[in-house]
PDB file of all heavy atoms in Angstrom:
ATOM      1  N   HIS A   1      -3.363 -14.317   5.356  1.00  0.00           N
ATOM      2  CA  HIS A   1      -3.511 -14.528   6.806  1.00  0.00           C
ATOM      3  C   HIS A   1      -2.158 -14.351   7.494  1.00  0.00           C
ATOM      4  O   HIS A   1      -1.629 -15.255   8.146  1.00  0.00           O
ATOM      5  CB  HIS A   1      -4.131 -15.895   7.119  1.00  0.00           C
ATOM      6  CG  HIS A   1      -3.475 -17.065   6.449  1.00  0.00           C
ATOM      7  ND1 HIS A   1      -2.463 -17.796   7.033  1.00  0.00           N
ATOM      8  CD2 HIS A   1      -3.689 -17.629   5.241  1.00  0.00           C
ATOM      9  CE1 HIS A   1      -2.087 -18.758   6.219  1.00  0.00           C
ATOM     10  NE2 HIS A   1      -2.810 -18.679   5.120  1.00  0.00           N
ATOM     11  N   ARG A   2      -1.610 -13.178   7.356  1.00  0.00           N
ATOM     12  CA  ARG A   2      -0.321 -12.850   7.959  1.00  0.00           C
ATOM     13  C   ARG A   2      -0.423 -12.846   9.481  1.00  0.00           C
ATOM     14  O   ARG A   2      -1.475 -12.552  10.054  1.00  0.00           O
ATOM     15  CB  ARG A   2       0.143 -11.474   7.474  1.00  0.00           C
ATOM     16  CG  ARG A   2       0.551 -11.423   6.013  1.00  0.00           C
ATOM     17  CD  ARG A   2       0.665  -9.984   5.528  1.00  0.00           C
ATOM     18  NE  ARG A   2       1.335  -9.111   6.465  1.00  0.00           N
ATOM     19  CZ  ARG A   2       2.503  -8.507   6.240  1.00  0.00           C
ATOM     20  NH1 ARG A   2       3.137  -8.688   5.101  1.00  0.00           N
ATOM     21  NH2 ARG A   2       3.030  -7.713   7.139  1.00  0.00           N
ATOM     22  N   ARG A   3       0.705 -13.107  10.127  1.00  0.00           N
ATOM     23  CA  ARG A   3       0.747 -13.077  11.582  1.00  0.00           C
ATOM     24  C   ARG A   3       0.873 -11.660  12.120  1.00  0.00           C
ATOM     25  O   ARG A   3       0.506 -11.393  13.270  1.00  0.00           O
ATOM     26  CB  ARG A   3       1.923 -13.924  12.079  1.00  0.00           C
ATOM     27  CG  ARG A   3       1.756 -15.420  11.829  1.00  0.00           C
ATOM     28  CD  ARG A   3       3.042 -16.163  12.155  1.00  0.00           C
ATOM     29  NE  ARG A   3       3.512 -15.883  13.508  1.00  0.00           N
ATOM     30  CZ  ARG A   3       4.738 -16.160  13.929  1.00  0.00           C
ATOM     31  NH1 ARG A   3       5.622 -16.693  13.088  1.00  0.00           N
ATOM     32  NH2 ARG A   3       5.093 -15.893  15.168  1.00  0.00           N
ATOM     33  N   ARG A   4       1.432 -10.768  11.314  1.00  0.00           N
ATOM     34  CA  ARG A   4       1.642  -9.382  11.745  1.00  0.00           C
ATOM     35  C   ARG A   4       0.911  -8.428  10.810  1.00  0.00           C
ATOM     36  O   ARG A   4       0.623  -8.755   9.661  1.00  0.00           O
ATOM     37  CB  ARG A   4       3.146  -9.039  11.741  1.00  0.00           C
ATOM     38  CG  ARG A   4       4.003  -9.980  12.551  1.00  0.00           C
ATOM     39  CD  ARG A   4       3.795  -9.830  14.036  1.00  0.00           C
ATOM     40  NE  ARG A   4       4.610 -10.779  14.793  1.00  0.00           N
ATOM     41  CZ  ARG A   4       4.574 -10.903  16.118  1.00  0.00           C
ATOM     42  NH1 ARG A   4       3.757 -10.129  16.813  1.00  0.00           N
ATOM     43  NH2 ARG A   4       5.331 -11.784  16.735  1.00  0.00           N
ATOM     44  N   TYR A   5       0.663  -7.242  11.303  1.00  0.00           N
ATOM     45  CA  TYR A   5      -0.006  -6.240  10.489  1.00  0.00           C
ATOM     46  C   TYR A   5       0.882  -5.763   9.342  1.00  0.00           C
ATOM     47  O   TYR A   5       2.111  -5.757   9.446  1.00  0.00           O
ATOM     48  CB  TYR A   5      -0.387  -5.021  11.349  1.00  0.00           C
ATOM     49  CG  TYR A   5      -1.502  -5.295  12.318  1.00  0.00           C
ATOM     50  CD1 TYR A   5      -1.245  -5.375  13.690  1.00  0.00           C
ATOM     51  CD2 TYR A   5      -2.805  -5.475  11.879  1.00  0.00           C
ATOM     52  CE1 TYR A   5      -2.263  -5.627  14.594  1.00  0.00           C
ATOM     53  CE2 TYR A   5      -3.831  -5.726  12.778  1.00  0.00           C
ATOM     54  CZ  TYR A   5      -3.563  -5.804  14.129  1.00  0.00           C
ATOM     55  OH  TYR A   5      -4.560  -6.062  15.016  1.00  0.00           O
ATOM     56  N   PHE A   6       0.247  -5.362   8.263  1.00  0.00           N
ATOM     57  CA  PHE A   6       0.967  -4.686   7.196  1.00  0.00           C
ATOM     58  C   PHE A   6       1.572  -3.393   7.734  1.00  0.00           C
ATOM     59  O   PHE A   6       0.990  -2.717   8.592  1.00  0.00           O
ATOM     60  CB  PHE A   6       0.023  -4.349   6.041  1.00  0.00           C
ATOM     61  CG  PHE A   6      -0.433  -5.542   5.249  1.00  0.00           C
ATOM     62  CD1 PHE A   6      -1.701  -6.067   5.426  1.00  0.00           C
ATOM     63  CD2 PHE A   6       0.410  -6.136   4.328  1.00  0.00           C
ATOM     64  CE1 PHE A   6      -2.127  -7.158   4.689  1.00  0.00           C
ATOM     65  CE2 PHE A   6       0.004  -7.235   3.583  1.00  0.00           C
ATOM     66  CZ  PHE A   6      -1.274  -7.744   3.770  1.00  0.00           C
ATOM     67  N   GLN A   7       2.742  -3.037   7.203  1.00  0.00           N
ATOM     68  CA  GLN A   7       3.432  -1.832   7.643  1.00  0.00           C
ATOM     69  C   GLN A   7       3.426  -0.724   6.593  1.00  0.00           C
ATOM     70  O   GLN A   7       3.779   0.411   6.887  1.00  0.00           O
ATOM     71  CB  GLN A   7       4.881  -2.176   8.004  1.00  0.00           C
ATOM     72  CG  GLN A   7       5.017  -3.191   9.123  1.00  0.00           C
ATOM     73  CD  GLN A   7       4.478  -2.670  10.436  1.00  0.00           C
ATOM     74  OE1 GLN A   7       4.748  -1.537  10.824  1.00  0.00           O
ATOM     75  NE2 GLN A   7       3.681  -3.492  11.117  1.00  0.00           N
ATOM     76  N   GLY A   8       3.083  -1.066   5.358  1.00  0.00           N
ATOM     77  CA  GLY A   8       3.127  -0.062   4.299  1.00  0.00           C
ATOM     78  C   GLY A   8       4.547   0.366   3.973  1.00  0.00           C
ATOM     79  O   GLY A   8       4.802   1.515   3.628  1.00  0.00           O
ATOM     80  N   ARG A   9       5.494  -0.580   4.057  1.00  0.00           N
ATOM     81  CA  ARG A   9       6.891  -0.270   3.759  1.00  0.00           C
ATOM     82  C   ARG A   9       7.575  -1.508   3.185  1.00  0.00           C
ATOM     83  O   ARG A   9       6.994  -2.599   3.153  1.00  0.00           O
ATOM     84  CB  ARG A   9       7.619   0.198   5.014  1.00  0.00           C
ATOM     85  CG  ARG A   9       7.696  -0.833   6.134  1.00  0.00           C
ATOM     86  CD  ARG A   9       8.369  -0.246   7.373  1.00  0.00           C
ATOM     87  NE  ARG A   9       8.446  -1.190   8.473  1.00  0.00           N
ATOM     88  CZ  ARG A   9       9.419  -2.076   8.652  1.00  0.00           C
ATOM     89  NH1 ARG A   9      10.421  -2.143   7.781  1.00  0.00           N
ATOM     90  NH2 ARG A   9       9.435  -2.877   9.693  1.00  0.00           N
ATOM     91  N   THR A  10       8.798  -1.334   2.736  1.00  0.00           N
ATOM     92  CA  THR A  10       9.553  -2.436   2.154  1.00  0.00           C
ATOM     93  C   THR A  10      10.254  -3.253   3.240  1.00  0.00           C
ATOM     94  O   THR A  10      10.507  -2.758   4.340  1.00  0.00           O
ATOM     95  CB  THR A  10      10.604  -1.914   1.164  1.00  0.00           C
ATOM     96  OG1 THR A  10      11.523  -1.063   1.873  1.00  0.00           O
ATOM     97  CG2 THR A  10       9.959  -1.146   0.030  1.00  0.00           C
ATOM     98  N   PHE A  11      10.556  -4.487   2.897  1.00  0.00           N
ATOM     99  CA  PHE A  11      11.331  -5.370   3.758  1.00  0.00           C
ATOM    100  C   PHE A  11      12.428  -6.015   2.909  1.00  0.00           C
ATOM    101  O   PHE A  11      12.339  -6.023   1.683  1.00  0.00           O
ATOM    102  CB  PHE A  11      10.442  -6.471   4.364  1.00  0.00           C
ATOM    103  CG  PHE A  11       9.421  -5.972   5.339  1.00  0.00           C
ATOM    104  CD1 PHE A  11       8.180  -5.523   4.902  1.00  0.00           C
ATOM    105  CD2 PHE A  11       9.696  -5.942   6.694  1.00  0.00           C
ATOM    106  CE1 PHE A  11       7.234  -5.058   5.795  1.00  0.00           C
ATOM    107  CE2 PHE A  11       8.760  -5.481   7.607  1.00  0.00           C
ATOM    108  CZ  PHE A  11       7.526  -5.043   7.152  1.00  0.00           C
ATOM    109  N   ARG A  12      13.438  -6.548   3.560  1.00  0.00           N
ATOM    110  CA  ARG A  12      14.485  -7.242   2.834  1.00  0.00           C
ATOM    111  C   ARG A  12      13.879  -8.411   2.059  1.00  0.00           C
ATOM    112  O   ARG A  12      13.143  -9.224   2.608  1.00  0.00           O
ATOM    113  CB  ARG A  12      15.551  -7.762   3.799  1.00  0.00           C
ATOM    114  CG  ARG A  12      16.762  -8.384   3.082  1.00  0.00           C
ATOM    115  CD  ARG A  12      17.867  -8.691   4.063  1.00  0.00           C
ATOM    116  NE  ARG A  12      17.457  -9.672   5.058  1.00  0.00           N
ATOM    117  CZ  ARG A  12      18.235 -10.104   6.039  1.00  0.00           C
ATOM    118  NH1 ARG A  12      19.459  -9.615   6.170  1.00  0.00           N
ATOM    119  NH2 ARG A  12      17.784 -10.991   6.909  1.00  0.00           N
ATOM    120  N   GLY A  13      14.170  -8.452   0.779  1.00  0.00           N
ATOM    121  CA  GLY A  13      13.619  -9.503  -0.068  1.00  0.00           C
ATOM    122  C   GLY A  13      12.263  -9.201  -0.650  1.00  0.00           C
ATOM    123  O   GLY A  13      11.678 -10.044  -1.333  1.00  0.00           O
ATOM    124  N   SER A  14      11.744  -7.981  -0.403  1.00  0.00           N
ATOM    125  CA  SER A  14      10.400  -7.649  -0.878  1.00  0.00           C
ATOM    126  C   SER A  14      10.386  -7.101  -2.296  1.00  0.00           C
ATOM    127  O   SER A  14       9.348  -6.661  -2.781  1.00  0.00           O
ATOM    128  CB  SER A  14       9.748  -6.630   0.066  1.00  0.00           C
ATOM    129  OG  SER A  14      10.436  -5.385   0.018  1.00  0.00           O
ATOM    130  N   GLY A  15      11.549  -7.105  -2.960  1.00  0.00           N
ATOM    131  CA  GLY A  15      11.612  -6.629  -4.333  1.00  0.00           C
ATOM    132  C   GLY A  15      11.503  -5.127  -4.465  1.00  0.00           C
ATOM    133  O   GLY A  15      11.163  -4.614  -5.540  1.00  0.00           O
ATOM    134  N   GLY A  16      11.780  -4.422  -3.378  1.00  0.00           N
ATOM    135  CA  GLY A  16      11.715  -2.961  -3.419  1.00  0.00           C
ATOM    136  C   GLY A  16      10.317  -2.398  -3.361  1.00  0.00           C
ATOM    137  O   GLY A  16      10.121  -1.182  -3.495  1.00  0.00           O
ATOM    138  N   LEU A  17       9.323  -3.268  -3.128  1.00  0.00           N
ATOM    139  CA  LEU A  17       7.934  -2.831  -3.063  1.00  0.00           C
ATOM    140  C   LEU A  17       7.421  -2.932  -1.635  1.00  0.00           C
ATOM    141  O   LEU A  17       7.826  -3.802  -0.866  1.00  0.00           O
ATOM    142  CB  LEU A  17       7.063  -3.697  -3.978  1.00  0.00           C
ATOM    143  CG  LEU A  17       7.393  -3.673  -5.474  1.00  0.00           C
ATOM    144  CD1 LEU A  17       6.606  -4.752  -6.192  1.00  0.00           C
ATOM    145  CD2 LEU A  17       7.101  -2.295  -6.064  1.00  0.00           C
ATOM    146  N   ASP A  18       6.514  -2.034  -1.286  1.00  0.00           N
ATOM    147  CA  ASP A  18       5.891  -2.098   0.034  1.00  0.00           C
ATOM    148  C   ASP A  18       5.101  -3.396   0.189  1.00  0.00           C
ATOM    149  O   ASP A  18       4.706  -4.023  -0.797  1.00  0.00           O
ATOM    150  CB  ASP A  18       4.952  -0.912   0.236  1.00  0.00           C
ATOM    151  CG  ASP A  18       5.705   0.406   0.363  1.00  0.00           C
ATOM    152  OD1 ASP A  18       6.938   0.375   0.509  1.00  0.00           O
ATOM    153  OD2 ASP A  18       5.050   1.471   0.311  1.00  0.00           O
ATOM    154  N   ASP A  19       4.852  -3.765   1.449  1.00  0.00           N
ATOM    155  CA  ASP A  19       4.098  -5.001   1.681  1.00  0.00           C
ATOM    156  C   ASP A  19       2.643  -4.872   1.254  1.00  0.00           C
ATOM    157  O   ASP A  19       1.995  -5.859   0.895  1.00  0.00           O
ATOM    158  CB  ASP A  19       4.208  -5.448   3.138  1.00  0.00           C
ATOM    159  CG  ASP A  19       3.788  -4.376   4.132  1.00  0.00           C
ATOM    160  OD1 ASP A  19       3.483  -3.242   3.714  1.00  0.00           O
ATOM    161  OD2 ASP A  19       3.771  -4.672   5.344  1.00  0.00           O
ATOM    162  N   ILE A  20       2.108  -3.649   1.270  1.00  0.00           N
ATOM    163  CA  ILE A  20       0.758  -3.401   0.785  1.00  0.00           C
ATOM    164  C   ILE A  20       0.733  -2.038   0.110  1.00  0.00           C
ATOM    165  O   ILE A  20       1.394  -1.092   0.578  1.00  0.00           O
ATOM    166  CB  ILE A  20      -0.286  -3.466   1.926  1.00  0.00           C
ATOM    167  CG1 ILE A  20      -1.719  -3.360   1.377  1.00  0.00           C
ATOM    168  CG2 ILE A  20      -0.030  -2.414   2.980  1.00  0.00           C
ATOM    169  CD1 ILE A  20      -2.789  -3.675   2.411  1.00  0.00           C
ATOM    170  N   VAL A  21       0.016  -1.938  -0.999  1.00  0.00           N
ATOM    171  CA  VAL A  21      -0.111  -0.678  -1.728  1.00  0.00           C
ATOM    172  C   VAL A  21      -1.579  -0.509  -2.098  1.00  0.00           C
ATOM    173  O   VAL A  21      -2.200  -1.426  -2.664  1.00  0.00           O
ATOM    174  CB  VAL A  21       0.759  -0.650  -3.005  1.00  0.00           C
ATOM    175  CG1 VAL A  21       0.590   0.688  -3.730  1.00  0.00           C
ATOM    176  CG2 VAL A  21       2.228  -0.892  -2.662  1.00  0.00           C
ATOM    177  N   TRP A  22      -2.112   0.663  -1.786  1.00  0.00           N
ATOM    178  CA  TRP A  22      -3.508   0.965  -2.096  1.00  0.00           C
ATOM    179  C   TRP A  22      -3.557   1.718  -3.418  1.00  0.00           C
ATOM    180  O   TRP A  22      -2.863   2.713  -3.595  1.00  0.00           O
ATOM    181  CB  TRP A  22      -4.135   1.793  -0.981  1.00  0.00           C
ATOM    182  CG  TRP A  22      -4.060   1.116   0.353  1.00  0.00           C
ATOM    183  CD1 TRP A  22      -3.123   1.313   1.316  1.00  0.00           C
ATOM    184  CD2 TRP A  22      -4.937   0.112   0.849  1.00  0.00           C
ATOM    185  NE1 TRP A  22      -3.360   0.494   2.398  1.00  0.00           N
ATOM    186  CE2 TRP A  22      -4.475  -0.254   2.134  1.00  0.00           C
ATOM    187  CE3 TRP A  22      -6.075  -0.519   0.343  1.00  0.00           C
ATOM    188  CZ2 TRP A  22      -5.116  -1.216   2.916  1.00  0.00           C
ATOM    189  CZ3 TRP A  22      -6.705  -1.478   1.116  1.00  0.00           C
ATOM    190  CH2 TRP A  22      -6.229  -1.808   2.396  1.00  0.00           C
ATOM    191  N   LEU A  23      -4.400   1.247  -4.315  1.00  0.00           N
ATOM    192  CA  LEU A  23      -4.422   1.764  -5.676  1.00  0.00           C
ATOM    193  C   LEU A  23      -5.800   2.343  -6.016  1.00  0.00           C
ATOM    194  O   LEU A  23      -6.824   1.778  -5.647  1.00  0.00           O
ATOM    195  CB  LEU A  23      -4.102   0.640  -6.677  1.00  0.00           C
ATOM    196  CG  LEU A  23      -2.775  -0.098  -6.469  1.00  0.00           C
ATOM    197  CD1 LEU A  23      -2.756  -1.369  -7.310  1.00  0.00           C
ATOM    198  CD2 LEU A  23      -1.605   0.814  -6.831  1.00  0.00           C
ATOM    199  N   LYS A  24      -5.796   3.439  -6.753  1.00  0.00           N
ATOM    200  CA  LYS A  24      -7.054   3.926  -7.313  1.00  0.00           C
ATOM    201  C   LYS A  24      -7.244   3.312  -8.691  1.00  0.00           C
ATOM    202  O   LYS A  24      -6.350   2.609  -9.206  1.00  0.00           O
ATOM    203  CB  LYS A  24      -7.081   5.453  -7.355  1.00  0.00           C
ATOM    204  CG  LYS A  24      -5.886   6.145  -7.946  1.00  0.00           C
ATOM    205  CD  LYS A  24      -6.014   7.653  -7.715  1.00  0.00           C
ATOM    206  CE  LYS A  24      -4.811   8.412  -8.225  1.00  0.00           C
ATOM    207  NZ  LYS A  24      -4.931   9.871  -7.983  1.00  0.00           N
ATOM    208  N   SER A  25      -8.367   3.557  -9.313  1.00  0.00           N
ATOM    209  CA  SER A  25      -8.699   2.858 -10.556  1.00  0.00           C
ATOM    210  C   SER A  25      -7.712   3.159 -11.680  1.00  0.00           C
ATOM    211  O   SER A  25      -7.549   2.362 -12.605  1.00  0.00           O
ATOM    212  CB  SER A  25     -10.116   3.207 -10.997  1.00  0.00           C
ATOM    213  OG  SER A  25     -10.257   4.607 -11.196  1.00  0.00           O
ATOM    214  N   SER A  26      -7.002   4.287 -11.606  1.00  0.00           N
ATOM    215  CA  SER A  26      -6.014   4.640 -12.623  1.00  0.00           C
ATOM    216  C   SER A  26      -4.736   3.831 -12.510  1.00  0.00           C
ATOM    217  O   SER A  26      -3.856   3.928 -13.370  1.00  0.00           O
ATOM    218  CB  SER A  26      -5.678   6.134 -12.513  1.00  0.00           C
ATOM    219  OG  SER A  26      -5.059   6.409 -11.267  1.00  0.00           O
ATOM    220  N   GLY A  27      -4.594   3.044 -11.434  1.00  0.00           N
ATOM    221  CA  GLY A  27      -3.378   2.282 -11.188  1.00  0.00           C
ATOM    222  C   GLY A  27      -2.361   3.035 -10.365  1.00  0.00           C
ATOM    223  O   GLY A  27      -1.321   2.484  -9.995  1.00  0.00           O
ATOM    224  N   GLU A  28      -2.647   4.289 -10.050  1.00  0.00           N
ATOM    225  CA  GLU A  28      -1.739   5.111  -9.234  1.00  0.00           C
ATOM    226  C   GLU A  28      -2.000   4.864  -7.754  1.00  0.00           C
ATOM    227  O   GLU A  28      -3.086   4.414  -7.356  1.00  0.00           O
ATOM    228  CB  GLU A  28      -1.945   6.586  -9.572  1.00  0.00           C
ATOM    229  CG  GLU A  28      -1.675   6.942 -11.021  1.00  0.00           C
ATOM    230  CD  GLU A  28      -2.108   8.353 -11.351  1.00  0.00           C
ATOM    231  OE1 GLU A  28      -3.313   8.647 -11.253  1.00  0.00           O
ATOM    232  OE2 GLU A  28      -1.240   9.164 -11.698  1.00  0.00           O
ATOM    233  N   VAL A  29      -1.000   5.173  -6.940  1.00  0.00           N
ATOM    234  CA  VAL A  29      -1.137   5.010  -5.492  1.00  0.00           C
ATOM    235  C   VAL A  29      -2.127   6.037  -4.957  1.00  0.00           C
ATOM    236  O   VAL A  29      -2.128   7.202  -5.373  1.00  0.00           O
ATOM    237  CB  VAL A  29       0.237   5.171  -4.808  1.00  0.00           C
ATOM    238  CG1 VAL A  29       0.096   5.084  -3.296  1.00  0.00           C
ATOM    239  CG2 VAL A  29       1.208   4.108  -5.321  1.00  0.00           C
ATOM    240  N   MET A  30      -2.973   5.613  -4.067  1.00  0.00           N
ATOM    241  CA  MET A  30      -3.979   6.508  -3.496  1.00  0.00           C
ATOM    242  C   MET A  30      -3.330   7.589  -2.650  1.00  0.00           C
ATOM    243  O   MET A  30      -2.383   7.330  -1.901  1.00  0.00           O
ATOM    244  CB  MET A  30      -4.989   5.714  -2.663  1.00  0.00           C
ATOM    245  CG  MET A  30      -5.902   4.828  -3.479  1.00  0.00           C
ATOM    246  SD  MET A  30      -7.124   3.945  -2.474  1.00  0.00           S
ATOM    247  CE  MET A  30      -8.141   5.302  -1.864  1.00  0.00           C
ATOM    248  N   SER A  31      -3.860   8.780  -2.746  1.00  0.00           N
ATOM    249  CA  SER A  31      -3.407   9.913  -1.950  1.00  0.00           C
ATOM    250  C   SER A  31      -4.376  10.124  -0.790  1.00  0.00           C
ATOM    251  O   SER A  31      -5.443   9.506  -0.722  1.00  0.00           O
ATOM    252  CB  SER A  31      -3.369  11.176  -2.821  1.00  0.00           C
ATOM    253  OG  SER A  31      -4.692  11.531  -3.224  1.00  0.00           O
ATOM    254  N   GLN A  32      -4.017  11.027   0.103  1.00  0.00           N
ATOM    255  CA  GLN A  32      -4.912  11.339   1.219  1.00  0.00           C
ATOM    256  C   GLN A  32      -6.229  11.896   0.707  1.00  0.00           C
ATOM    257  O   GLN A  32      -7.305  11.621   1.261  1.00  0.00           O
ATOM    258  CB  GLN A  32      -4.242  12.343   2.162  1.00  0.00           C
ATOM    259  CG  GLN A  32      -5.034  12.591   3.441  1.00  0.00           C
ATOM    260  CD  GLN A  32      -5.235  11.320   4.246  1.00  0.00           C
ATOM    261  OE1 GLN A  32      -4.294  10.583   4.521  1.00  0.00           O
ATOM    262  NE2 GLN A  32      -6.485  11.035   4.627  1.00  0.00           N
ATOM    263  N   GLU A  33      -6.166  12.657  -0.352  1.00  0.00           N
ATOM    264  CA  GLU A  33      -7.395  13.201  -0.945  1.00  0.00           C
ATOM    265  C   GLU A  33      -8.314  12.078  -1.424  1.00  0.00           C
ATOM    266  O   GLU A  33      -9.539  12.152  -1.272  1.00  0.00           O
ATOM    267  CB  GLU A  33      -7.047  14.131  -2.110  1.00  0.00           C
ATOM    268  CG  GLU A  33      -8.261  14.784  -2.761  1.00  0.00           C
ATOM    269  CD  GLU A  33      -7.876  15.708  -3.903  1.00  0.00           C
ATOM    270  OE1 GLU A  33      -6.659  15.854  -4.181  1.00  0.00           O
ATOM    271  OE2 GLU A  33      -8.794  16.283  -4.519  1.00  0.00           O
ATOM    272  N   ASP A  34      -7.716  11.032  -1.983  1.00  0.00           N
ATOM    273  CA  ASP A  34      -8.505   9.886  -2.427  1.00  0.00           C
ATOM    274  C   ASP A  34      -9.173   9.192  -1.244  1.00  0.00           C
ATOM    275  O   ASP A  34     -10.342   8.786  -1.321  1.00  0.00           O
ATOM    276  CB  ASP A  34      -7.627   8.880  -3.179  1.00  0.00           C
ATOM    277  CG  ASP A  34      -7.047   9.456  -4.462  1.00  0.00           C
ATOM    278  OD1 ASP A  34      -7.780  10.151  -5.176  1.00  0.00           O
ATOM    279  OD2 ASP A  34      -5.848   9.220  -4.727  1.00  0.00           O
ATOM    280  N   TRP A  35      -8.437   9.052  -0.138  1.00  0.00           N
ATOM    281  CA  TRP A  35      -9.017   8.416   1.046  1.00  0.00           C
ATOM    282  C   TRP A  35     -10.176   9.231   1.607  1.00  0.00           C
ATOM    283  O   TRP A  35     -11.142   8.681   2.138  1.00  0.00           O
ATOM    284  CB  TRP A  35      -7.952   8.235   2.127  1.00  0.00           C
ATOM    285  CG  TRP A  35      -6.985   7.130   1.872  1.00  0.00           C
ATOM    286  CD1 TRP A  35      -5.635   7.228   1.691  1.00  0.00           C
ATOM    287  CD2 TRP A  35      -7.280   5.730   1.783  1.00  0.00           C
ATOM    288  NE1 TRP A  35      -5.075   5.992   1.490  1.00  0.00           N
ATOM    289  CE2 TRP A  35      -6.062   5.052   1.545  1.00  0.00           C
ATOM    290  CE3 TRP A  35      -8.456   4.986   1.881  1.00  0.00           C
ATOM    291  CZ2 TRP A  35      -5.987   3.659   1.411  1.00  0.00           C
ATOM    292  CZ3 TRP A  35      -8.386   3.604   1.731  1.00  0.00           C
ATOM    293  CH2 TRP A  35      -7.161   2.954   1.503  1.00  0.00           C
ATOM    294  N   ASP A  36     -10.069  10.542   1.506  1.00  0.00           N
ATOM    295  CA  ASP A  36     -11.101  11.417   2.079  1.00  0.00           C
ATOM    296  C   ASP A  36     -12.287  11.627   1.151  1.00  0.00           C
ATOM    297  O   ASP A  36     -13.228  12.332   1.502  1.00  0.00           O
ATOM    298  CB  ASP A  36     -10.480  12.778   2.425  1.00  0.00           C
ATOM    299  CG  ASP A  36      -9.434  12.678   3.525  1.00  0.00           C
ATOM    300  OD1 ASP A  36      -9.489  11.705   4.304  1.00  0.00           O
ATOM    301  OD2 ASP A  36      -8.552  13.563   3.595  1.00  0.00           O
ATOM    302  N   ASN A  37     -12.230  11.000  -0.022  1.00  0.00           N
ATOM    303  CA  ASN A  37     -13.285  11.171  -1.021  1.00  0.00           C
ATOM    304  C   ASN A  37     -14.512  10.353  -0.611  1.00  0.00           C
ATOM    305  O   ASN A  37     -14.546   9.137  -0.753  1.00  0.00           O
ATOM    306  CB  ASN A  37     -12.766  10.719  -2.392  1.00  0.00           C
ATOM    307  CG  ASN A  37     -13.761  10.949  -3.495  1.00  0.00           C
ATOM    308  OD1 ASN A  37     -14.900  11.324  -3.259  1.00  0.00           O
ATOM    309  ND2 ASN A  37     -13.332  10.715  -4.713  1.00  0.00           N
ATOM    310  N   GLY A  38     -15.537  11.022  -0.094  1.00  0.00           N
ATOM    311  CA  GLY A  38     -16.703  10.322   0.441  1.00  0.00           C
ATOM    312  C   GLY A  38     -17.528   9.592  -0.591  1.00  0.00           C
ATOM    313  O   GLY A  38     -18.217   8.618  -0.265  1.00  0.00           O
TER     314      GLY A  38
END
């Protein structure tokens, strides 16, 4: 229940990871092709 929207980027103290990451079943980051997969 964050006060602000996710930005999809890193912040100071975030451990070098984005605030949100979308993953496909392989554990890899989703690509635009994955998003467009109906």
